[in-house]
Every structure is written in structure tokens, then in C-alpha cells.
Amino acid sequence: MKTIVISLPDPLKAKLDALRAQGYTLNGYVRAVLERELTDTPTARRPRKGRRAA
């Protein structure tokens, strides 16, 4: 699993903090939203570093 760091405007952060009062974690909520929104999005595969073509 990878970690990302993003900046949020104060009003958006306040809305996320309000979700914490309902029992959500910020990471869990953001992860669920991303998974829902990106379900049908194809992923691009990058070539691995350090591998030589045969």
C-alpha cells in the first residue's frame, strides 16, 4: 500500500472532521470514495525499473 499526502482547504477538512464524529476514519472514508469513483477506470502499467528487455 502506498501513502499520499494532499492539501485540503479548511472548509473541506471541516466536513471530513465532521464525519469522524459519525465513526468514520479520514483514511477509510477517502479510500472508499476513491475506490467507488475509480472502479471502472483502467490503470496504466508502468514498466519496471531495472529490467532489461530480453
PDB file of N, CA and C in Angstrom:
ATOM      1  N   MET A   1       0.850  -1.162   0.000  1.00  0.00           N
ATOM      2  CA  MET A   1       0.000   0.000   0.000  1.00  0.00           C
ATOM      3  C   MET A   1       0.905   1.237   0.000  1.00  0.00           C
ATOM      4  N   LYS A   2       0.529   2.238  -0.735  1.00  0.00           N
ATOM      5  CA  LYS A   2       1.280   3.486  -0.832  1.00  0.00           C
ATOM      6  C   LYS A   2       0.592   4.576  -0.024  1.00  0.00           C
ATOM      7  N   THR A   3       1.341   5.590   0.326  1.00  0.00           N
ATOM      8  CA  THR A   3       0.825   6.727   1.074  1.00  0.00           C
ATOM      9  C   THR A   3       0.859   7.961   0.188  1.00  0.00           C
ATOM     10  N   ILE A   4      -0.207   8.757   0.245  1.00  0.00           N
ATOM     11  CA  ILE A   4      -0.224  10.037  -0.459  1.00  0.00           C
ATOM     12  C   ILE A   4      -0.523  11.130   0.555  1.00  0.00           C
ATOM     13  N   VAL A   5      -0.021  12.314   0.264  1.00  0.00           N
ATOM     14  CA  VAL A   5      -0.259  13.463   1.132  1.00  0.00           C
ATOM     15  C   VAL A   5      -0.859  14.559   0.257  1.00  0.00           C
ATOM     16  N   ILE A   6      -1.991  15.113   0.687  1.00  0.00           N
ATOM     17  CA  ILE A   6      -2.643  16.170  -0.079  1.00  0.00           C
ATOM     18  C   ILE A   6      -2.980  17.336   0.831  1.00  0.00           C
ATOM     19  N   SER A   7      -3.073  18.499   0.236  1.00  0.00           N
ATOM     20  CA  SER A   7      -3.520  19.685   0.957  1.00  0.00           C
ATOM     21  C   SER A   7      -5.011  19.864   0.716  1.00  0.00           C
ATOM     22  N   LEU A   8      -5.727  20.275   1.755  1.00  0.00           N
ATOM     23  CA  LEU A   8      -7.173  20.492   1.654  1.00  0.00           C
ATOM     24  C   LEU A   8      -7.514  21.889   2.134  1.00  0.00           C
ATOM     25  N   PRO A   9      -8.497  22.518   1.495  1.00  0.00           N
ATOM     26  CA  PRO A   9      -8.979  23.793   2.026  1.00  0.00           C
ATOM     27  C   PRO A   9      -9.673  23.557   3.369  1.00  0.00           C
ATOM     28  N   ASP A  10      -9.642  24.561   4.226  1.00  0.00           N
ATOM     29  CA  ASP A  10     -10.220  24.431   5.565  1.00  0.00           C
ATOM     30  C   ASP A  10     -11.681  23.976   5.576  1.00  0.00           C
ATOM     31  N   PRO A  11     -12.548  24.499   4.688  1.00  0.00           N
ATOM     32  CA  PRO A  11     -13.947  24.039   4.725  1.00  0.00           C
ATOM     33  C   PRO A  11     -14.101  22.539   4.414  1.00  0.00           C
ATOM     34  N   LEU A  12     -13.287  22.025   3.503  1.00  0.00           N
ATOM     35  CA  LEU A  12     -13.354  20.605   3.174  1.00  0.00           C
ATOM     36  C   LEU A  12     -12.838  19.760   4.335  1.00  0.00           C
ATOM     37  N   LYS A  13     -11.773  20.202   4.963  1.00  0.00           N
ATOM     38  CA  LYS A  13     -11.237  19.496   6.128  1.00  0.00           C
ATOM     39  C   LYS A  13     -12.262  19.487   7.252  1.00  0.00           C
ATOM     40  N   ALA A  14     -12.994  20.567   7.429  1.00  0.00           N
ATOM     41  CA  ALA A  14     -14.031  20.621   8.462  1.00  0.00           C
ATOM     42  C   ALA A  14     -15.124  19.590   8.190  1.00  0.00           C
ATOM     43  N   LYS A  15     -15.490  19.420   6.921  1.00  0.00           N
ATOM     44  CA  LYS A  15     -16.503  18.414   6.571  1.00  0.00           C
ATOM     45  C   LYS A  15     -15.995  17.007   6.860  1.00  0.00           C
ATOM     46  N   LEU A  16     -14.717  16.763   6.553  1.00  0.00           N
ATOM     47  CA  LEU A  16     -14.146  15.452   6.855  1.00  0.00           C
ATOM     48  C   LEU A  16     -14.075  15.221   8.359  1.00  0.00           C
ATOM     49  N   ASP A  17     -13.743  16.249   9.107  1.00  0.00           N
ATOM     50  CA  ASP A  17     -13.708  16.128  10.565  1.00  0.00           C
ATOM     51  C   ASP A  17     -15.093  15.821  11.129  1.00  0.00           C
ATOM     52  N   ALA A  18     -16.121  16.371  10.520  1.00  0.00           N
ATOM     53  CA  ALA A  18     -17.491  16.092  10.971  1.00  0.00           C
ATOM     54  C   ALA A  18     -17.836  14.614  10.772  1.00  0.00           C
ATOM     55  N   LEU A  19     -17.279  13.995   9.741  1.00  0.00           N
ATOM     56  CA  LEU A  19     -17.520  12.569   9.517  1.00  0.00           C
ATOM     57  C   LEU A  19     -16.902  11.721  10.620  1.00  0.00           C
ATOM     58  N   ARG A  20     -15.820  12.207  11.210  1.00  0.00           N
ATOM     59  CA  ARG A  20     -15.187  11.473  12.307  1.00  0.00           C
ATOM     60  C   ARG A  20     -16.154  11.302  13.466  1.00  0.00           C
ATOM     61  N   ALA A  21     -17.000  12.306  13.695  1.00  0.00           N
ATOM     62  CA  ALA A  21     -17.981  12.219  14.776  1.00  0.00           C
ATOM     63  C   ALA A  21     -19.006  11.121  14.509  1.00  0.00           C
ATOM     64  N   GLN A  22     -19.148  10.731  13.232  1.00  0.00           N
ATOM     65  CA  GLN A  22     -20.083   9.669  12.852  1.00  0.00           C
ATOM     66  C   GLN A  22     -19.400   8.300  12.839  1.00  0.00           C
ATOM     67  N   GLY A  23     -18.118   8.261  13.221  1.00  0.00           N
ATOM     68  CA  GLY A  23     -17.428   6.984  13.313  1.00  0.00           C
ATOM     69  C   GLY A  23     -16.529   6.650  12.139  1.00  0.00           C
ATOM     70  N   TYR A  24     -16.442   7.537  11.151  1.00  0.00           N
ATOM     71  CA  TYR A  24     -15.569   7.295  10.010  1.00  0.00           C
ATOM     72  C   TYR A  24     -14.135   7.680  10.364  1.00  0.00           C
ATOM     73  N   THR A  25     -13.190   7.002   9.754  1.00  0.00           N
ATOM     74  CA  THR A  25     -11.817   7.492   9.802  1.00  0.00           C
ATOM     75  C   THR A  25     -11.591   8.257   8.509  1.00  0.00           C
ATOM     76  N   LEU A  26     -10.714   9.240   8.536  1.00  0.00           N
ATOM     77  CA  LEU A  26     -10.447  10.009   7.327  1.00  0.00           C
ATOM     78  C   LEU A  26      -9.884   9.112   6.235  1.00  0.00           C
ATOM     79  N   ASN A  27      -8.927   8.268   6.583  1.00  0.00           N
ATOM     80  CA  ASN A  27      -8.338   7.380   5.589  1.00  0.00           C
ATOM     81  C   ASN A  27      -9.369   6.421   5.010  1.00  0.00           C
ATOM     82  N   GLY A  28     -10.185   5.852   5.867  1.00  0.00           N
ATOM     83  CA  GLY A  28     -11.197   4.903   5.397  1.00  0.00           C
ATOM     84  C   GLY A  28     -12.216   5.560   4.489  1.00  0.00           C
ATOM     85  N   TYR A  29     -12.649   6.753   4.834  1.00  0.00           N
ATOM     86  CA  TYR A  29     -13.633   7.454   4.016  1.00  0.00           C
ATOM     87  C   TYR A  29     -13.051   7.827   2.655  1.00  0.00           C
ATOM     88  N   VAL A  30     -11.847   8.412   2.663  1.00  0.00           N
ATOM     89  CA  VAL A  30     -11.225   8.822   1.399  1.00  0.00           C
ATOM     90  C   VAL A  30     -10.943   7.599   0.539  1.00  0.00           C
ATOM     91  N   ARG A  31     -10.454   6.524   1.123  1.00  0.00           N
ATOM     92  CA  ARG A  31     -10.185   5.299   0.379  1.00  0.00           C
ATOM     93  C   ARG A  31     -11.469   4.751  -0.251  1.00  0.00           C
ATOM     94  N   ALA A  32     -12.562   4.741   0.488  1.00  0.00           N
ATOM     95  CA  ALA A  32     -13.835   4.234  -0.032  1.00  0.00           C
ATOM     96  C   ALA A  32     -14.348   5.098  -1.191  1.00  0.00           C
ATOM     97  N   VAL A  33     -14.224   6.418  -1.060  1.00  0.00           N
ATOM     98  CA  VAL A  33     -14.660   7.317  -2.136  1.00  0.00           C
ATOM     99  C   VAL A  33     -13.819   7.088  -3.382  1.00  0.00           C
ATOM    100  N   LEU A  34     -12.510   6.990  -3.223  1.00  0.00           N
ATOM    101  CA  LEU A  34     -11.644   6.753  -4.380  1.00  0.00           C
ATOM    102  C   LEU A  34     -11.950   5.417  -5.044  1.00  0.00           C
ATOM    103  N   GLU A  35     -12.137   4.378  -4.251  1.00  0.00           N
ATOM    104  CA  GLU A  35     -12.460   3.072  -4.829  1.00  0.00           C
ATOM    105  C   GLU A  35     -13.778   3.123  -5.595  1.00  0.00           C
ATOM    106  N   ARG A  36     -14.772   3.795  -5.037  1.00  0.00           N
ATOM    107  CA  ARG A  36     -16.072   3.897  -5.702  1.00  0.00           C
ATOM    108  C   ARG A  36     -15.947   4.678  -7.009  1.00  0.00           C
ATOM    109  N   GLU A  37     -15.247   5.796  -6.979  1.00  0.00           N
ATOM    110  CA  GLU A  37     -15.135   6.655  -8.159  1.00  0.00           C
ATOM    111  C   GLU A  37     -14.245   6.065  -9.245  1.00  0.00           C
ATOM    112  N   LEU A  38     -13.281   5.266  -8.857  1.00  0.00           N
ATOM    113  CA  LEU A  38     -12.312   4.753  -9.824  1.00  0.00           C
ATOM    114  C   LEU A  38     -12.528   3.287 -10.182  1.00  0.00           C
ATOM    115  N   THR A  39     -13.684   2.745  -9.847  1.00  0.00           N
ATOM    116  CA  THR A  39     -13.961   1.329 -10.078  1.00  0.00           C
ATOM    117  C   THR A  39     -13.787   0.930 -11.536  1.00  0.00           C
ATOM    118  N   ASP A  40     -14.315   1.703 -12.464  1.00  0.00           N
ATOM    119  CA  ASP A  40     -14.275   1.326 -13.873  1.00  0.00           C
ATOM    120  C   ASP A  40     -13.162   2.017 -14.647  1.00  0.00           C
ATOM    121  N   THR A  41     -12.238   2.656 -13.947  1.00  0.00           N
ATOM    122  CA  THR A  41     -11.151   3.368 -14.610  1.00  0.00           C
ATOM    123  C   THR A  41      -9.999   2.406 -14.866  1.00  0.00           C
ATOM    124  N   PRO A  42      -9.586   2.270 -16.144  1.00  0.00           N
ATOM    125  CA  PRO A  42      -8.446   1.386 -16.417  1.00  0.00           C
ATOM    126  C   PRO A  42      -7.158   1.983 -15.833  1.00  0.00           C
ATOM    127  N   THR A  43      -6.256   1.124 -15.414  1.00  0.00           N
ATOM    128  CA  THR A  43      -4.996   1.590 -14.863  1.00  0.00           C
ATOM    129  C   THR A  43      -3.888   1.418 -15.885  1.00  0.00           C
ATOM    130  N   ALA A  44      -3.015   2.381 -15.945  1.00  0.00           N
ATOM    131  CA  ALA A  44      -1.873   2.300 -16.846  1.00  0.00           C
ATOM    132  C   ALA A  44      -0.765   1.551 -16.126  1.00  0.00           C
ATOM    133  N   ARG A  45      -0.095   0.691 -16.828  1.00  0.00           N
ATOM    134  CA  ARG A  45       1.006  -0.055 -16.247  1.00  0.00           C
ATOM    135  C   ARG A  45       2.311   0.571 -16.669  1.00  0.00           C
ATOM    136  N   ARG A  46       3.149   0.865 -15.701  1.00  0.00           N
ATOM    137  CA  ARG A  46       4.460   1.425 -15.996  1.00  0.00           C
ATOM    138  C   ARG A  46       5.468   0.278 -16.061  1.00  0.00           C
ATOM    139  N   PRO A  47       6.452   0.408 -16.943  1.00  0.00           N
ATOM    140  CA  PRO A  47       7.488  -0.633 -16.982  1.00  0.00           C
ATOM    141  C   PRO A  47       8.297  -0.630 -15.681  1.00  0.00           C
ATOM    142  N   ARG A  48       8.745  -1.788 -15.286  1.00  0.00           N
ATOM    143  CA  ARG A  48       9.545  -1.903 -14.065  1.00  0.00           C
ATOM    144  C   ARG A  48      10.926  -1.331 -14.294  1.00  0.00           C
ATOM    145  N   LYS A  49      11.438  -0.695 -13.287  1.00  0.00           N
ATOM    146  CA  LYS A  49      12.794  -0.149 -13.367  1.00  0.00           C
ATOM    147  C   LYS A  49      13.801  -1.280 -13.171  1.00  0.00           C
ATOM    148  N   GLY A  50      14.910  -1.173 -13.878  1.00  0.00           N
ATOM    149  CA  GLY A  50      15.983  -2.131 -13.682  1.00  0.00           C
ATOM    150  C   GLY A  50      15.849  -3.418 -14.462  1.00  0.00           C
ATOM    151  N   ARG A  51      14.820  -3.552 -15.250  1.00  0.00           N
ATOM    152  CA  ARG A  51      14.637  -4.758 -16.055  1.00  0.00           C
ATOM    153  C   ARG A  51      15.119  -4.513 -17.469  1.00  0.00           C
ATOM    154  N   ARG A  52      15.837  -5.443 -17.993  1.00  0.00           N
ATOM    155  CA  ARG A  52      16.307  -5.328 -19.371  1.00  0.00           C
ATOM    156  C   ARG A  52      15.384  -6.119 -20.272  1.00  0.00           C
ATOM    157  N   ALA A  53      15.203  -5.606 -21.490  1.00  0.00           N
ATOM    158  CA  ALA A  53      14.411  -6.337 -22.476  1.00  0.00           C
ATOM    159  C   ALA A  53      15.196  -7.564 -22.915  1.00  0.00           C
ATOM    160  N   ALA A  54      14.513  -8.685 -23.069  1.00  0.00           N
ATOM    161  CA  ALA A  54      15.187  -9.952 -23.438  1.00  0.00           C
ATOM    162  C   ALA A  54      15.506  -9.999 -24.908  1.00  0.00           C
TER     163      ALA A  54
END
